[in-house]
Amino acid sequence: MAVLGKLGEKLKKTRESKGYTIREVSENTHIVPKYIEALEQEDYSVFPSETYIVGFLRTYAEFLGLNPEEIVREYKGLKVQITESPVEELMKISKPTLQIDYELIYKIVGIALILIIVGGGIYYLSSFISNKKFTKSSSVIVSCKEREIKKINLQENQPFLSLMDISQNYELSVPEMGKINLCISELQLTSEPKSLKFDAFYQGKDYSILTNANETIILSNVIPELNKNLVQIEISVKEIMEDSSQVEIVAKKKEIGDKKNITVVLEIIQDTYLEWVADGKTYRGILLNQGDMRILEAETRLEIKIGNGVGVRYRLGDLPAKIAGPPGKIVKLSFSKVADPLDPTKFRIAENIEVSQ
């Protein structure tokens, strides 16, 4: 059975032996420094719930190279040691002389009634608070923009698993996409499945995202400005708790089209006019601005008319990107699916470029 002080001492000594500061541990485990200090000092009163203590102990132990299960068992053994009473004391039977003090009994009954009434009120209030929706207007959660910012750098195809706390504003940084701020603005614990709402802030605009536990959302489906990127951010809600949620965030390269079809990605590098015909269907002309992106597809034939050839960089399937044509010239790109002469059962994409004189 663990001895008071030994568990925290083990964590601290292991950390120091590996040369880590508390801040370095926090940056690698995403545990707030005050909770790391509390684990090393065995001050479990600062944690919101038992779930946090066990979860943080596991994460901290794994980071230090300790056995998480053994650490959790030590913690639970410590809890038992602190709270248990000797069996002999619990089972001891005493036989005092029976003396009834009715005045004392009346006082005890009166106090008990008061405690029951007060306790009932506290229970009702705590139930209301724990089961209510947490919104930005409540006293529990402040506006996302007023919260402490936690920065997260996302790398392509590298999942980031974190316990998102209602007190923090998470700043997601993705190459070629910029910064996206994300925070929990509402928790619904009374219904099944449990749900939560994220507030997202990107390029000066606010967005609300409602999702349930065990669901995955794609940010570009909610934030249209993200569609011009070839990387999409997926957020999977693993578990929803009283004041936090376990969330996995990953940046993935978009799966563009069916490889059996003609798929062309257009990156607009200068303002230009664009119109196209896909499988005989004509799409009206539009003016695209620098930074825009379009993905065009067709089953058998795709024709694209570009008003400013140098204003568009295009890529056919997995082939390298190319500039459509010279500046100020109208360029027509044509792509058609034709049978492979070496194998009639297979197809290849024929490409043709016409530049106006």
Protein backbone atom coordinates (compact mmCIF):
# COMPACT_ATOMS: atom_id res chain seq x y z
CA MET A 1 0.00 0.00 0.00
CA ALA A 2 1.32 3.43 -0.90
CA VAL A 3 2.68 5.73 1.79
CA LEU A 4 1.60 9.37 1.81
CA GLY A 5 4.06 11.41 -0.21
CA LYS A 6 5.72 8.52 -2.03
CA LEU A 7 3.62 8.76 -5.24
CA GLY A 8 4.20 12.48 -5.74
CA GLU A 9 7.85 12.06 -4.82
CA LYS A 10 8.24 9.29 -7.41
CA LEU A 11 6.76 11.51 -10.16
CA LYS A 12 8.90 14.49 -9.21
CA LYS A 13 12.16 12.51 -8.91
CA THR A 14 11.54 10.76 -12.24
CA ARG A 15 10.86 14.09 -13.95
CA GLU A 16 13.99 15.69 -12.47
CA SER A 17 16.14 12.66 -13.34
CA LYS A 18 15.10 13.05 -16.97
CA GLY A 19 15.91 16.77 -16.89
CA TYR A 20 12.37 18.05 -17.53
CA THR A 21 10.93 21.25 -16.10
CA ILE A 22 7.23 21.45 -15.26
CA ARG A 23 6.74 23.78 -18.23
CA GLU A 24 8.38 21.28 -20.60
CA VAL A 25 6.12 18.52 -19.27
CA SER A 26 3.10 20.76 -19.79
CA GLU A 27 4.08 21.52 -23.40
CA ASN A 28 4.49 17.83 -24.21
CA THR A 29 1.48 16.42 -22.33
CA HIS A 30 -0.88 19.45 -22.68
CA ILE A 31 -1.57 19.29 -18.93
CA VAL A 32 -1.84 22.70 -17.24
CA PRO A 33 1.26 23.33 -15.01
CA LYS A 34 -0.80 23.76 -11.83
CA TYR A 35 -2.17 20.23 -12.24
CA ILE A 36 1.33 18.79 -12.71
CA GLU A 37 2.45 20.52 -9.50
CA ALA A 38 -0.65 19.21 -7.73
CA LEU A 39 0.12 15.61 -8.78
CA GLU A 40 3.67 15.90 -7.47
CA GLN A 41 2.42 17.44 -4.20
CA GLU A 42 -0.48 14.96 -3.96
CA ASP A 43 -2.89 17.87 -3.65
CA TYR A 44 -5.90 16.31 -5.34
CA SER A 45 -8.31 18.98 -4.09
CA VAL A 46 -7.53 21.25 -7.06
CA PHE A 47 -8.90 18.80 -9.65
CA PRO A 48 -12.49 19.21 -10.86
CA SER A 49 -13.23 15.46 -10.65
CA GLU A 50 -11.78 11.97 -10.20
CA THR A 51 -11.72 11.57 -14.00
CA TYR A 52 -9.15 14.35 -14.28
CA ILE A 53 -6.87 12.87 -11.61
CA VAL A 54 -6.77 9.39 -13.14
CA GLY A 55 -6.51 10.70 -16.71
CA PHE A 56 -3.67 13.11 -15.91
CA LEU A 57 -1.83 10.48 -13.86
CA ARG A 58 -1.92 8.08 -16.81
CA THR A 59 -0.72 10.75 -19.26
CA TYR A 60 2.04 11.97 -16.92
CA ALA A 61 3.21 8.41 -16.18
CA GLU A 62 3.37 7.50 -19.88
CA PHE A 63 5.39 10.63 -20.62
CA LEU A 64 7.88 9.81 -17.83
CA GLY A 65 8.21 6.20 -18.99
CA LEU A 66 6.47 4.81 -15.89
CA ASN A 67 3.79 2.12 -15.88
CA PRO A 68 0.46 4.05 -15.96
CA GLU A 69 -1.52 1.18 -14.41
CA GLU A 70 0.87 0.88 -11.47
CA ILE A 71 0.76 4.63 -10.88
CA VAL A 72 -3.07 4.64 -10.89
CA ARG A 73 -3.10 1.64 -8.50
CA GLU A 74 -0.75 3.52 -6.16
CA TYR A 75 -3.05 6.53 -6.25
CA LYS A 76 -6.14 4.44 -5.53
CA GLY A 77 -4.29 2.64 -2.73
CA LEU A 78 -3.34 6.01 -1.28
CA LYS A 79 -6.99 7.08 -1.31
CA VAL A 80 -7.99 3.97 0.58
CA GLN A 81 -5.21 4.44 3.13
CA ILE A 82 -6.21 8.01 3.83
CA THR A 83 -9.92 7.28 4.25
CA GLU A 84 -10.14 3.76 5.73
CA SER A 85 -10.75 3.02 9.43
CA PRO A 86 -9.49 -0.08 11.29
CA VAL A 87 -11.94 -2.95 11.05
CA GLU A 88 -11.68 -3.55 14.80
CA GLU A 89 -12.83 0.02 15.50
CA LEU A 90 -15.74 -0.30 13.10
CA MET A 91 -16.90 -3.58 14.63
CA LYS A 92 -16.24 -2.75 18.29
CA ILE A 93 -19.43 -2.93 20.42
CA SER A 94 -19.61 -0.84 23.53
CA LYS A 95 -22.23 -1.08 26.22
CA PRO A 96 -22.54 2.33 27.89
CA THR A 97 -25.14 3.04 30.55
CA LEU A 98 -28.39 4.10 28.87
CA GLN A 99 -29.15 7.75 29.67
CA ILE A 100 -31.69 9.65 27.59
CA ASP A 101 -31.27 13.40 27.28
CA TYR A 102 -34.51 14.49 25.62
CA GLU A 103 -33.47 18.12 25.33
CA LEU A 104 -30.34 17.02 23.43
CA ILE A 105 -32.46 14.77 21.20
CA TYR A 106 -34.77 17.67 20.32
CA LYS A 107 -31.77 19.83 19.42
CA ILE A 108 -30.27 17.07 17.27
CA VAL A 109 -33.57 16.51 15.45
CA GLY A 110 -33.92 20.24 14.84
CA ILE A 111 -30.38 20.53 13.49
CA ALA A 112 -30.94 17.45 11.33
CA LEU A 113 -34.07 18.98 9.79
CA ILE A 114 -32.19 22.20 9.02
CA LEU A 115 -29.34 20.22 7.46
CA ILE A 116 -31.80 18.22 5.35
CA ILE A 117 -33.44 21.39 4.05
CA VAL A 118 -30.12 23.13 3.36
CA GLY A 119 -28.64 19.95 1.87
CA GLY A 120 -31.64 19.53 -0.40
CA GLY A 121 -31.25 23.09 -1.61
CA ILE A 122 -27.54 22.60 -2.28
CA TYR A 123 -28.20 19.33 -4.10
CA TYR A 124 -30.85 20.94 -6.27
CA LEU A 125 -28.59 23.88 -7.08
CA SER A 126 -25.59 21.67 -7.86
CA SER A 127 -27.74 19.40 -10.03
CA PHE A 128 -29.04 22.40 -11.89
CA ILE A 129 -25.54 23.76 -12.49
CA SER A 130 -24.04 20.42 -13.54
CA ASN A 131 -26.91 19.57 -15.88
CA LYS A 132 -27.58 22.98 -17.38
CA LYS A 133 -26.22 24.13 -20.70
CA PHE A 134 -22.96 26.03 -20.33
CA THR A 135 -23.21 29.10 -22.51
CA LYS A 136 -21.00 32.11 -23.04
CA SER A 137 -23.47 34.26 -21.10
CA SER A 138 -23.29 32.09 -17.96
CA SER A 139 -21.05 32.84 -15.01
CA VAL A 140 -19.24 29.53 -15.56
CA ILE A 141 -17.92 30.20 -19.06
CA VAL A 142 -16.65 33.55 -20.25
CA SER A 143 -16.44 34.69 -23.85
CA CYS A 144 -14.04 32.60 -25.93
CA LYS A 145 -12.00 35.68 -26.81
CA GLU A 146 -11.43 36.43 -23.12
CA ARG A 147 -10.03 32.99 -22.30
CA GLU A 148 -6.42 31.87 -21.99
CA ILE A 149 -5.08 30.92 -25.45
CA LYS A 150 -3.52 27.49 -25.91
CA LYS A 151 -1.56 27.13 -29.16
CA ILE A 152 -1.65 23.87 -31.14
CA ASN A 153 0.50 23.34 -34.23
CA LEU A 154 -1.09 20.71 -36.47
CA GLN A 155 1.06 18.66 -38.83
CA GLU A 156 -0.45 16.75 -41.74
CA ASN A 157 -1.70 13.25 -40.79
CA GLN A 158 -0.45 13.58 -37.20
CA PRO A 159 -3.50 13.28 -34.87
CA PHE A 160 -3.54 15.58 -31.85
CA LEU A 161 -5.42 14.14 -28.85
CA SER A 162 -6.26 16.58 -26.07
CA LEU A 163 -8.60 17.18 -23.18
CA MET A 164 -10.26 20.46 -24.20
CA ASP A 165 -11.12 22.53 -21.13
CA ILE A 166 -13.97 25.05 -21.07
CA SER A 167 -11.61 27.69 -19.69
CA GLN A 168 -9.31 27.82 -22.73
CA ASN A 169 -9.32 29.14 -26.28
CA TYR A 170 -7.48 26.73 -28.60
CA GLU A 171 -5.54 28.35 -31.46
CA LEU A 172 -5.04 25.81 -34.26
CA SER A 173 -2.17 26.58 -36.60
CA VAL A 174 -2.03 24.75 -39.94
CA PRO A 175 0.53 25.40 -42.74
CA GLU A 176 -0.96 27.41 -45.64
CA MET A 177 -4.25 27.76 -43.75
CA GLY A 178 -3.47 30.26 -41.00
CA LYS A 179 -4.89 30.28 -37.50
CA ILE A 180 -8.29 28.96 -36.44
CA ASN A 181 -9.53 29.65 -32.91
CA LEU A 182 -11.75 27.00 -31.34
CA CYS A 183 -13.40 26.77 -27.93
CA ILE A 184 -16.28 24.98 -26.20
CA SER A 185 -19.20 27.38 -25.79
CA GLU A 186 -21.91 24.95 -24.67
CA LEU A 187 -22.19 21.54 -23.02
CA GLN A 188 -25.40 19.49 -22.87
CA LEU A 189 -25.12 16.64 -20.36
CA THR A 190 -28.79 15.87 -19.64
CA SER A 191 -29.69 14.27 -22.97
CA GLU A 192 -28.37 11.20 -24.74
CA PRO A 193 -26.21 11.34 -26.67
CA LYS A 194 -24.38 14.14 -24.87
CA SER A 195 -23.60 17.08 -27.10
CA LEU A 196 -21.43 20.17 -27.21
CA LYS A 197 -21.09 23.31 -29.25
CA PHE A 198 -17.82 24.77 -30.48
CA ASP A 199 -17.31 28.41 -31.35
CA ALA A 200 -14.85 28.81 -34.24
CA PHE A 201 -13.22 32.08 -35.32
CA TYR A 202 -11.47 32.34 -38.71
CA GLN A 203 -10.51 35.36 -40.83
CA GLY A 204 -12.69 37.73 -38.83
CA LYS A 205 -15.82 35.56 -38.88
CA ASP A 206 -17.51 33.51 -36.15
CA TYR A 207 -19.00 30.06 -36.68
CA SER A 208 -20.96 27.68 -34.42
CA ILE A 209 -20.49 23.92 -34.61
CA LEU A 210 -22.85 21.53 -32.82
CA THR A 211 -21.79 17.91 -32.46
CA ASN A 212 -22.32 14.80 -30.33
CA ALA A 213 -19.97 12.41 -28.59
CA ASN A 214 -18.34 9.86 -30.92
CA GLU A 215 -18.96 12.07 -33.96
CA THR A 216 -16.46 13.57 -36.41
CA ILE A 217 -16.89 16.95 -38.04
CA ILE A 218 -14.94 18.41 -40.98
CA LEU A 219 -14.27 22.12 -40.46
CA SER A 220 -14.42 22.96 -44.17
CA ASN A 221 -18.08 21.83 -44.17
CA VAL A 222 -18.78 24.62 -41.66
CA ILE A 223 -16.23 27.25 -42.70
CA PRO A 224 -16.49 27.77 -46.50
CA GLU A 225 -13.21 29.74 -46.61
CA LEU A 226 -11.32 26.53 -45.78
CA ASN A 227 -12.49 24.82 -48.99
CA LYS A 228 -9.75 26.48 -51.02
CA ASN A 229 -7.12 24.45 -49.13
CA LEU A 230 -6.07 20.94 -50.07
CA VAL A 231 -5.84 20.05 -46.37
CA GLN A 232 -8.95 19.51 -44.28
CA ILE A 233 -9.24 19.51 -40.48
CA GLU A 234 -11.25 16.74 -38.84
CA ILE A 235 -12.40 17.02 -35.22
CA SER A 236 -13.54 13.83 -33.47
CA VAL A 237 -15.28 14.15 -30.09
CA LYS A 238 -14.31 11.07 -28.08
CA GLU A 239 -15.92 11.84 -24.72
CA ILE A 240 -17.91 14.69 -23.15
CA MET A 241 -17.46 15.37 -19.43
CA GLU A 242 -18.72 17.96 -16.94
CA ASP A 243 -16.39 20.77 -17.91
CA SER A 244 -14.23 19.36 -20.69
CA SER A 245 -14.20 17.05 -23.69
CA GLN A 246 -11.64 14.60 -25.02
CA VAL A 247 -11.08 15.59 -28.63
CA GLU A 248 -8.89 14.32 -31.47
CA ILE A 249 -7.88 16.85 -34.13
CA VAL A 250 -6.12 15.85 -37.34
CA ALA A 251 -5.17 17.67 -40.55
CA LYS A 252 -5.59 15.43 -43.61
CA LYS A 253 -4.95 15.87 -47.29
CA LYS A 254 -8.25 15.96 -49.16
CA GLU A 255 -9.28 12.97 -51.22
CA ILE A 256 -9.95 14.72 -54.52
CA GLY A 257 -12.43 13.05 -56.78
CA ASP A 258 -12.68 9.56 -58.21
CA LYS A 259 -9.43 8.51 -59.90
CA LYS A 260 -11.54 7.05 -62.71
CA ASN A 261 -12.83 10.55 -63.50
CA ILE A 262 -11.13 13.66 -64.86
CA THR A 263 -10.16 15.84 -61.89
CA VAL A 264 -8.46 19.21 -62.29
CA VAL A 265 -7.42 21.47 -59.39
CA LEU A 266 -7.24 25.19 -60.23
CA GLU A 267 -5.26 27.55 -58.00
CA ILE A 268 -5.96 31.23 -58.73
CA ILE A 269 -2.75 33.26 -58.47
CA GLN A 270 -4.07 36.38 -60.25
CA ASP A 271 -7.64 37.65 -60.67
CA THR A 272 -9.21 36.00 -63.73
CA TYR A 273 -12.44 35.10 -65.50
CA LEU A 274 -13.37 31.42 -65.66
CA GLU A 275 -16.03 29.29 -67.35
CA TRP A 276 -16.19 25.54 -68.04
CA VAL A 277 -18.12 22.69 -69.64
CA ALA A 278 -18.23 19.27 -67.96
CA ASP A 279 -19.65 16.33 -69.94
CA GLY A 280 -21.61 18.74 -72.16
CA LYS A 281 -23.05 20.79 -69.31
CA THR A 282 -22.07 24.47 -69.44
CA TYR A 283 -21.40 26.38 -66.22
CA ARG A 284 -21.79 30.16 -66.27
CA GLY A 285 -18.68 32.34 -66.12
CA ILE A 286 -17.42 33.65 -62.81
CA LEU A 287 -14.71 36.08 -61.71
CA LEU A 288 -12.20 34.47 -59.34
CA ASN A 289 -9.79 36.33 -57.08
CA GLN A 290 -6.22 35.63 -56.09
CA GLY A 291 -6.10 32.91 -53.43
CA ASP A 292 -9.29 31.16 -54.59
CA MET A 293 -9.28 27.50 -55.51
CA ARG A 294 -11.61 25.37 -57.63
CA ILE A 295 -11.79 21.61 -58.13
CA LEU A 296 -13.50 20.66 -61.42
CA GLU A 297 -14.50 17.12 -62.39
CA ALA A 298 -16.03 15.30 -65.35
CA GLU A 299 -16.55 11.70 -66.35
CA THR A 300 -15.49 11.87 -70.02
CA ARG A 301 -14.66 15.46 -71.09
CA LEU A 302 -13.81 18.74 -69.35
CA GLU A 303 -13.24 22.09 -71.09
CA ILE A 304 -12.03 25.13 -69.13
CA LYS A 305 -11.84 28.69 -70.49
CA ILE A 306 -9.51 31.04 -68.59
CA GLY A 307 -9.47 34.81 -69.19
CA ASN A 308 -5.92 35.39 -67.94
CA GLY A 309 -3.65 32.42 -68.65
CA VAL A 310 -0.95 33.35 -66.17
CA GLY A 311 -3.55 33.83 -63.45
CA VAL A 312 -4.19 30.09 -63.03
CA ARG A 313 -1.98 27.23 -61.91
CA TYR A 314 -3.64 23.89 -62.64
CA ARG A 315 -2.96 20.27 -61.76
CA LEU A 316 -4.42 17.20 -63.48
CA GLY A 317 -4.85 14.35 -61.01
CA ASP A 318 -1.51 13.59 -59.31
CA LEU A 319 0.61 15.25 -62.03
CA PRO A 320 2.76 18.33 -61.23
CA ALA A 321 1.06 21.74 -61.36
CA LYS A 322 1.52 24.00 -64.40
CA ILE A 323 0.71 27.61 -65.35
CA ALA A 324 -2.24 27.64 -67.79
CA GLY A 325 -0.78 30.13 -70.26
CA PRO A 326 0.74 33.56 -70.96
CA PRO A 327 -0.45 36.78 -69.24
CA GLY A 328 -3.48 38.57 -70.66
CA LYS A 329 -4.31 35.71 -73.03
CA ILE A 330 -7.49 33.64 -73.14
CA VAL A 331 -6.60 29.99 -72.70
CA LYS A 332 -8.77 26.95 -73.31
CA LEU A 333 -7.82 23.73 -71.52
CA SER A 334 -9.43 20.51 -72.78
CA PHE A 335 -9.24 17.14 -71.05
CA SER A 336 -10.84 13.97 -72.40
CA LYS A 337 -10.85 10.34 -71.37
CA VAL A 338 -9.59 8.05 -74.17
CA ALA A 339 -8.84 4.35 -74.39
CA ASP A 340 -5.23 3.33 -73.83
CA PRO A 341 -3.94 1.97 -77.20
CA LEU A 342 -1.82 -0.61 -75.36
CA ASP A 343 -4.71 -1.84 -73.22
CA PRO A 344 -8.29 -1.06 -74.42
CA THR A 345 -9.66 -1.98 -70.99
CA LYS A 346 -7.83 1.00 -69.46
CA PHE A 347 -8.15 4.73 -69.99
CA ARG A 348 -5.84 7.71 -70.01
CA ILE A 349 -6.52 11.46 -69.93
CA ALA A 350 -5.67 13.38 -73.09
CA GLU A 351 -4.82 17.07 -72.53
CA ASN A 352 -4.97 19.93 -75.05
CA ILE A 353 -4.16 23.65 -74.64
CA GLU A 354 -5.32 26.43 -76.97
CA VAL A 355 -4.11 30.03 -76.59
CA SER A 356 -5.98 32.88 -78.33
CA GLN A 357 -3.97 35.05 -80.74
